[in-house]
C-alpha atoms as a PDB file:
ATOM      1  CA  GLU A   1      80.187  22.742 101.894  1.00  0.00           C
ATOM      2  CA  GLU A   2      84.077  22.093 103.010  1.00  0.00           C
ATOM      3  CA  PHE A   3      84.056  19.282 100.560  1.00  0.00           C
ATOM      4  CA  LEU A   4      83.322  21.610  98.259  1.00  0.00           C
ATOM      5  CA  ARG A   5      85.498  24.259  99.233  1.00  0.00           C
ATOM      6  CA  ASP A   6      88.342  21.795  99.380  1.00  0.00           C
ATOM      7  CA  PHE A   7      87.724  21.017  95.433  1.00  0.00           C
ATOM      8  CA  ARG A   8      87.432  24.578  94.348  1.00  0.00           C
ATOM      9  CA  ILE A   9      89.540  25.587  91.206  1.00  0.00           C
ATOM     10  CA  PRO A  10      92.716  27.298  92.104  1.00  0.00           C
ATOM     11  CA  PRO A  11      92.847  31.019  90.429  1.00  0.00           C
ATOM     12  CA  GLY A  12      93.926  31.256  87.124  1.00  0.00           C
ATOM     13  CA  MET A  13      93.138  27.728  86.629  1.00  0.00           C
ATOM     14  CA  GLY A  14      89.854  27.853  84.929  1.00  0.00           C
ATOM     15  CA  LYS A  15      91.290  29.968  81.926  1.00  0.00           C
ATOM     16  CA  LYS A  16      94.325  27.102  81.676  1.00  0.00           C
ATOM     17  CA  ILE A  17      91.599  24.537  81.419  1.00  0.00           C
ATOM     18  CA  VAL A  18      89.457  26.629  78.754  1.00  0.00           C
ATOM     19  CA  VAL A  19      92.724  26.970  76.630  1.00  0.00           C
ATOM     20  CA  ILE A  20      93.391  23.434  76.802  1.00  0.00           C
ATOM     21  CA  GLY A  21      89.824  22.702  75.687  1.00  0.00           C
ATOM     22  CA  VAL A  22      89.956  24.862  72.845  1.00  0.00           C
ATOM     23  CA  VAL A  23      93.332  23.350  71.706  1.00  0.00           C
ATOM     24  CA  ILE A  24      92.153  19.822  71.770  1.00  0.00           C
ATOM     25  CA  ALA A  25      88.941  21.004  69.883  1.00  0.00           C
ATOM     26  CA  ALA A  26      91.421  22.619  67.169  1.00  0.00           C
ATOM     27  CA  LEU A  27      93.311  19.507  67.050  1.00  0.00           C
ATOM     28  CA  VAL A  28      90.522  17.162  66.461  1.00  0.00           C
ATOM     29  CA  LEU A  29      88.933  19.644  63.883  1.00  0.00           C
ATOM     30  CA  ALA A  30      92.239  19.824  61.850  1.00  0.00           C
ATOM     31  CA  ALA A  31      92.714  15.942  62.047  1.00  0.00           C
ATOM     32  CA  GLY A  32      89.422  15.300  60.694  1.00  0.00           C
ATOM     33  CA  SER A  33      89.900  18.148  57.908  1.00  0.00           C
ATOM     34  CA  MET A  34      92.907  16.119  56.024  1.00  0.00           C
ATOM     35  CA  GLY A  35      94.124  12.856  55.116  1.00  0.00           C
ATOM     36  CA  ILE A  36      96.115  11.209  52.448  1.00  0.00           C
ATOM     37  CA  VAL A  37      95.484   9.616  49.276  1.00  0.00           C
ATOM     38  CA  GLY A  38      98.120   6.799  48.934  1.00  0.00           C
ATOM     39  CA  ALA A  39      99.898   5.611  45.813  1.00  0.00           C
ATOM     40  CA  GLY A  40      97.859   3.771  43.283  1.00  0.00           C
ATOM     41  CA  GLN A  41      94.384   5.273  45.060  1.00  0.00           C
ATOM     42  CA  ARG A  42      92.050   8.153  44.079  1.00  0.00           C
ATOM     43  CA  GLY A  43      89.590   9.261  46.513  1.00  0.00           C
ATOM     44  CA  VAL A  44      86.054   9.667  46.185  1.00  0.00           C
ATOM     45  CA  LEU A  45      84.694  13.084  47.777  1.00  0.00           C
ATOM     46  CA  LEU A  46      81.165  12.451  49.432  1.00  0.00           C
ATOM     47  CA  ARG A  47      79.157  15.278  51.006  1.00  0.00           C
ATOM     48  CA  PHE A  48      76.585  13.849  53.354  1.00  0.00           C
ATOM     49  CA  GLY A  49      77.093  10.743  51.947  1.00  0.00           C
ATOM     50  CA  ALA A  50      76.923  11.501  48.573  1.00  0.00           C
ATOM     51  CA  VAL A  51      78.738  11.492  45.868  1.00  0.00           C
ATOM     52  CA  THR A  52      80.029  15.456  44.674  1.00  0.00           C
ATOM     53  CA  GLY A  53      81.909  14.315  41.464  1.00  0.00           C
ATOM     54  CA  GLU A  54      85.322  15.540  42.949  1.00  0.00           C
ATOM     55  CA  ILE A  55      88.198  13.232  42.949  1.00  0.00           C
ATOM     56  CA  LYS A  56      91.088  13.544  45.235  1.00  0.00           C
ATOM     57  CA  GLU A  57      94.144  12.776  43.485  1.00  0.00           C
ATOM     58  CA  GLU A  58      97.438  11.088  45.219  1.00  0.00           C
ATOM     59  CA  GLY A  59      98.900  13.153  48.493  1.00  0.00           C
ATOM     60  CA  LEU A  60      97.523  15.533  51.144  1.00  0.00           C
ATOM     61  CA  TYR A  61      93.860  16.456  50.772  1.00  0.00           C
ATOM     62  CA  PHE A  62      91.441  18.949  53.006  1.00  0.00           C
ATOM     63  CA  LYS A  63      87.603  18.514  53.543  1.00  0.00           C
ATOM     64  CA  ILE A  64      85.138  19.899  55.807  1.00  0.00           C
ATOM     65  CA  PRO A  65      85.097  17.727  58.947  1.00  0.00           C
ATOM     66  CA  PHE A  66      81.648  15.730  59.618  1.00  0.00           C
ATOM     67  CA  ALA A  67      80.071  17.209  56.639  1.00  0.00           C
ATOM     68  CA  GLU A  68      82.596  15.460  54.067  1.00  0.00           C
ATOM     69  CA  GLN A  69      84.330  11.834  53.581  1.00  0.00           C
ATOM     70  CA  VAL A  70      86.906  10.739  51.066  1.00  0.00           C
ATOM     71  CA  VAL A  71      86.519   6.960  50.186  1.00  0.00           C
ATOM     72  CA  LEU A  72      89.684   5.550  48.868  1.00  0.00           C
ATOM     73  CA  MET A  73      89.416   3.765  45.178  1.00  0.00           C
ATOM     74  CA  SER A  74      92.366   1.529  43.958  1.00  0.00           C
ATOM     75  CA  THR A  75      93.395   1.887  40.680  1.00  0.00           C
ATOM     76  CA  GLN A  76      96.334  -0.602  40.814  1.00  0.00           C
ATOM     77  CA  ILE A  77      96.066  -3.740  38.702  1.00  0.00           C
ATOM     78  CA  GLN A  78      93.586  -6.293  40.451  1.00  0.00           C
ATOM     79  CA  LYS A  79      93.378  -9.985  39.933  1.00  0.00           C
ATOM     80  CA  TYR A  80      90.200 -12.037  39.755  1.00  0.00           C
ATOM     81  CA  SER A  81      89.622 -15.576  39.272  1.00  0.00           C
ATOM     82  CA  ALA A  82      86.761 -17.908  38.965  1.00  0.00           C
ATOM     83  CA  PRO A  83      85.897 -21.222  37.450  1.00  0.00           C
ATOM     84  CA  ALA A  84      82.934 -21.016  34.834  1.00  0.00           C
ATOM     85  CA  SER A  85      80.821 -23.699  33.781  1.00  0.00           C
ATOM     86  CA  SER A  86      79.137 -23.697  29.817  1.00  0.00           C
ATOM     87  CA  SER A  87      78.558 -26.213  27.106  1.00  0.00           C
ATOM     88  CA  SER A  88      80.800 -26.203  23.834  1.00  0.00           C
ATOM     89  CA  LYS A  89      79.166 -26.095  20.195  1.00  0.00           C
ATOM     90  CA  ASP A  90      78.985 -29.945  20.505  1.00  0.00           C
ATOM     91  CA  LEU A  91      77.359 -29.731  23.869  1.00  0.00           C
ATOM     92  CA  GLN A  92      80.425 -30.829  25.860  1.00  0.00           C
ATOM     93  CA  VAL A  93      80.248 -29.839  29.421  1.00  0.00           C
ATOM     94  CA  VAL A  94      83.386 -27.594  30.149  1.00  0.00           C
ATOM     95  CA  THR A  95      85.073 -25.857  33.125  1.00  0.00           C
ATOM     96  CA  THR A  96      87.249 -23.020  32.257  1.00  0.00           C
ATOM     97  CA  GLU A  97      89.384 -21.181  34.504  1.00  0.00           C
ATOM     98  CA  VAL A  98      89.635 -17.492  33.932  1.00  0.00           C
ATOM     99  CA  THR A  99      91.799 -15.116  35.363  1.00  0.00           C
ATOM    100  CA  LEU A 100      91.077 -11.367  34.721  1.00  0.00           C
ATOM    101  CA  ASN A 101      93.503  -8.544  35.412  1.00  0.00           C
ATOM    102  CA  TYR A 102      91.932  -5.389  35.672  1.00  0.00           C
ATOM    103  CA  GLN A 103      91.996  -1.929  36.544  1.00  0.00           C
ATOM    104  CA  LEU A 104      89.736   0.839  37.757  1.00  0.00           C
ATOM    105  CA  ASN A 105      89.973   3.914  35.238  1.00  0.00           C
ATOM    106  CA  ALA A 106      91.216   6.891  37.559  1.00  0.00           C
ATOM    107  CA  SER A 107      88.880   9.526  35.855  1.00  0.00           C
ATOM    108  CA  SER A 108      85.683   7.651  36.188  1.00  0.00           C
ATOM    109  CA  VAL A 109      85.984   6.293  39.936  1.00  0.00           C
ATOM    110  CA  GLY A 110      83.613   8.306  41.018  1.00  0.00           C
ATOM    111  CA  GLU A 111      81.016   6.671  38.836  1.00  0.00           C
ATOM    112  CA  THR A 112      81.734   3.541  39.551  1.00  0.00           C
ATOM    113  CA  TYR A 113      81.558   4.149  43.353  1.00  0.00           C
ATOM    114  CA  ARG A 114      77.962   5.718  42.534  1.00  0.00           C
ATOM    115  CA  ASN A 115      77.031   2.917  40.539  1.00  0.00           C
ATOM    116  CA  MET A 116      78.684   0.002  42.812  1.00  0.00           C
ATOM    117  CA  ARG A 117      80.452   1.478  45.834  1.00  0.00           C
ATOM    118  CA  GLN A 118      83.637  -1.100  46.229  1.00  0.00           C
ATOM    119  CA  ASP A 119      81.535  -4.324  45.412  1.00  0.00           C
ATOM    120  CA  TYR A 120      82.053  -4.168  41.243  1.00  0.00           C
ATOM    121  CA  GLU A 121      83.857  -7.570  41.324  1.00  0.00           C
ATOM    122  CA  ASN A 122      80.366  -9.219  42.982  1.00  0.00           C
ATOM    123  CA  ARG A 123      78.163  -7.104  41.115  1.00  0.00           C
ATOM    124  CA  VAL A 124      79.575  -6.923  37.255  1.00  0.00           C
ATOM    125  CA  ILE A 125      82.892  -8.734  36.929  1.00  0.00           C
ATOM    126  CA  GLN A 126      81.952 -12.195  38.230  1.00  0.00           C
ATOM    127  CA  PRO A 127      78.338 -12.143  36.484  1.00  0.00           C
ATOM    128  CA  PHE A 128      80.010 -10.580  33.216  1.00  0.00           C
ATOM    129  CA  ILE A 129      82.850 -13.293  32.954  1.00  0.00           C
ATOM    130  CA  GLN A 130      80.067 -16.354  33.694  1.00  0.00           C
ATOM    131  CA  GLU A 131      78.181 -14.676  30.712  1.00  0.00           C
ATOM    132  CA  ALA A 132      81.100 -14.278  28.436  1.00  0.00           C
ATOM    133  CA  VAL A 133      82.444 -17.751  29.238  1.00  0.00           C
ATOM    134  CA  LYS A 134      79.255 -19.371  28.001  1.00  0.00           C
ATOM    135  CA  SER A 135      78.667 -17.238  24.846  1.00  0.00           C
ATOM    136  CA  THR A 136      82.089 -17.685  23.673  1.00  0.00           C
ATOM    137  CA  THR A 137      82.415 -21.690  24.370  1.00  0.00           C
ATOM    138  CA  ALA A 138      79.424 -21.748  22.533  1.00  0.00           C
ATOM    139  CA  ASN A 139      80.761 -20.979  19.256  1.00  0.00           C
ATOM    140  CA  PHE A 140      83.593 -23.753  19.504  1.00  0.00           C
ATOM    141  CA  ASP A 141      83.735 -27.613  19.575  1.00  0.00           C
ATOM    142  CA  ALA A 142      85.394 -29.231  22.386  1.00  0.00           C
ATOM    143  CA  GLU A 143      88.356 -29.851  20.336  1.00  0.00           C
ATOM    144  CA  GLN A 144      88.720 -26.417  19.063  1.00  0.00           C
ATOM    145  CA  LEU A 145      88.506 -25.139  22.537  1.00  0.00           C
ATOM    146  CA  ILE A 146      91.987 -27.158  23.288  1.00  0.00           C
ATOM    147  CA  THR A 147      93.307 -26.463  19.771  1.00  0.00           C
ATOM    148  CA  GLN A 148      92.386 -22.945  19.239  1.00  0.00           C
ATOM    149  CA  ARG A 149      92.923 -21.799  22.610  1.00  0.00           C
ATOM    150  CA  PRO A 150      94.624 -18.320  21.805  1.00  0.00           C
ATOM    151  CA  ARG A 151      91.512 -17.833  19.384  1.00  0.00           C
ATOM    152  CA  VAL A 152      89.128 -18.696  22.237  1.00  0.00           C
ATOM    153  CA  LYS A 153      91.177 -16.176  24.607  1.00  0.00           C
ATOM    154  CA  ALA A 154      91.072 -13.326  22.180  1.00  0.00           C
ATOM    155  CA  GLU A 155      87.692 -13.571  21.647  1.00  0.00           C
ATOM    156  CA  LEU A 156      86.661 -13.889  25.308  1.00  0.00           C
ATOM    157  CA  GLN A 157      88.787 -10.958  26.263  1.00  0.00           C
ATOM    158  CA  ASP A 158      87.468  -8.737  23.605  1.00  0.00           C
ATOM    159  CA  LEU A 159      84.072  -9.214  24.704  1.00  0.00           C
ATOM    160  CA  ILE A 160      84.617  -8.851  28.646  1.00  0.00           C
ATOM    161  CA  THR A 161      86.447  -5.699  27.665  1.00  0.00           C
ATOM    162  CA  LYS A 162      83.421  -4.113  25.562  1.00  0.00           C
ATOM    163  CA  ARG A 163      81.149  -4.859  28.446  1.00  0.00           C
ATOM    164  CA  LEU A 164      83.733  -3.489  31.474  1.00  0.00           C
ATOM    165  CA  ALA A 165      84.663  -0.369  29.604  1.00  0.00           C
ATOM    166  CA  PRO A 166      81.564   1.565  30.006  1.00  0.00           C
ATOM    167  CA  LEU A 167      81.743   1.017  33.931  1.00  0.00           C
ATOM    168  CA  GLY A 168      84.945   2.302  34.051  1.00  0.00           C
ATOM    169  CA  ILE A 169      86.809  -0.959  34.371  1.00  0.00           C
ATOM    170  CA  GLY A 170      89.729  -1.564  32.144  1.00  0.00           C
ATOM    171  CA  VAL A 171      90.940  -5.065  30.813  1.00  0.00           C
ATOM    172  CA  VAL A 172      94.768  -5.314  31.612  1.00  0.00           C
ATOM    173  CA  GLU A 173      94.755  -8.968  30.533  1.00  0.00           C
ATOM    174  CA  LEU A 174      92.623 -12.102  30.403  1.00  0.00           C
ATOM    175  CA  SER A 175      94.286 -15.689  30.993  1.00  0.00           C
ATOM    176  CA  ILE A 176      92.563 -18.905  30.239  1.00  0.00           C
ATOM    177  CA  THR A 177      94.362 -21.386  32.698  1.00  0.00           C
ATOM    178  CA  ASP A 178      92.538 -24.430  32.075  1.00  0.00           C
ATOM    179  CA  PHE A 179      89.917 -26.412  30.416  1.00  0.00           C
ATOM    180  CA  ARG A 180      88.474 -29.051  32.046  1.00  0.00           C
ATOM    181  CA  PHE A 181      85.791 -31.569  30.206  1.00  0.00           C
ATOM    182  CA  THR A 182      83.724 -34.581  31.778  1.00  0.00           C
ATOM    183  CA  GLN A 183      85.740 -37.785  32.223  1.00  0.00           C
ATOM    184  CA  VAL A 184      84.352 -39.858  29.436  1.00  0.00           C
ATOM    185  CA  PHE A 185      84.829 -36.908  27.055  1.00  0.00           C
ATOM    186  CA  GLN A 186      88.745 -36.939  28.360  1.00  0.00           C
ATOM    187  CA  ASP A 187      89.083 -40.525  27.947  1.00  0.00           C
ATOM    188  CA  SER A 188      87.883 -40.267  24.374  1.00  0.00           C
ATOM    189  CA  ILE A 189      90.287 -37.694  23.485  1.00  0.00           C
ATOM    190  CA  GLU A 190      93.280 -39.697  24.696  1.00  0.00           C
ATOM    191  CA  ALA A 191      92.155 -42.765  23.140  1.00  0.00           C
ATOM    192  CA  LYS A 192      91.907 -40.398  20.144  1.00  0.00           C
ATOM    193  CA  VAL A 193      95.217 -39.444  20.498  1.00  0.00           C
ATOM    194  CA  ARG A 194      96.920 -43.012  21.206  1.00  0.00           C
ATOM    195  CA  ALA A 195      95.083 -44.064  18.020  1.00  0.00           C
ATOM    196  CA  VAL A 196      96.727 -41.438  15.846  1.00  0.00           C
ATOM    197  CA  GLN A 197     100.371 -42.423  17.374  1.00  0.00           C
ATOM    198  CA  GLN A 198      99.616 -45.953  16.798  1.00  0.00           C
ATOM    199  CA  ALA A 199      98.715 -45.030  13.241  1.00  0.00           C
ATOM    200  CA  LEU A 200     101.885 -42.990  12.755  1.00  0.00           C
ATOM    201  CA  GLU A 201     104.029 -45.644  14.395  1.00  0.00           C
ATOM    202  CA  ALA A 202     102.774 -48.259  11.817  1.00  0.00           C
ATOM    203  CA  GLU A 203     103.603 -46.095   9.071  1.00  0.00           C
END
């Protein structure tokens, strides 16, 4: 009993503790009810985990604590690079190094998140590039892939653009950084080039 008497709350202290508790609770609620969408981002508003369709623009936003959540989606230009193996029209094996600069459509980030969350590179970009490369290179002979690279790039970019646009992903630029063939074919190309040069020199 003496121990309990020693730890009694002093008069008036109880009200102060209650006030402090209320202030802390208010601060926690206030902090949970607002946030910031940074430059080059959009915020997808979720309510109990479901996409609401409301998109938060850049700047300060407000939401209902605990019930709502804002997922940030980048609308800046992003880069994806990957090699893709395929065959040319004359059945030469070719490895194509492709770099894709793309950008999420700011007005449809809600649907992008609903369909793919933030995993759009693995779900659609990577397989679409692989499929488009195989489809495009099959229209050209191996030598044409080398000599008509601008045309190959244009066809490949057009195909990928058409596939990604309905999903809210815009193609900014596609680059073919390299075509690599089998060593046997590379050697035959080099031999052909040397033969042409020697013929010109002989003339």
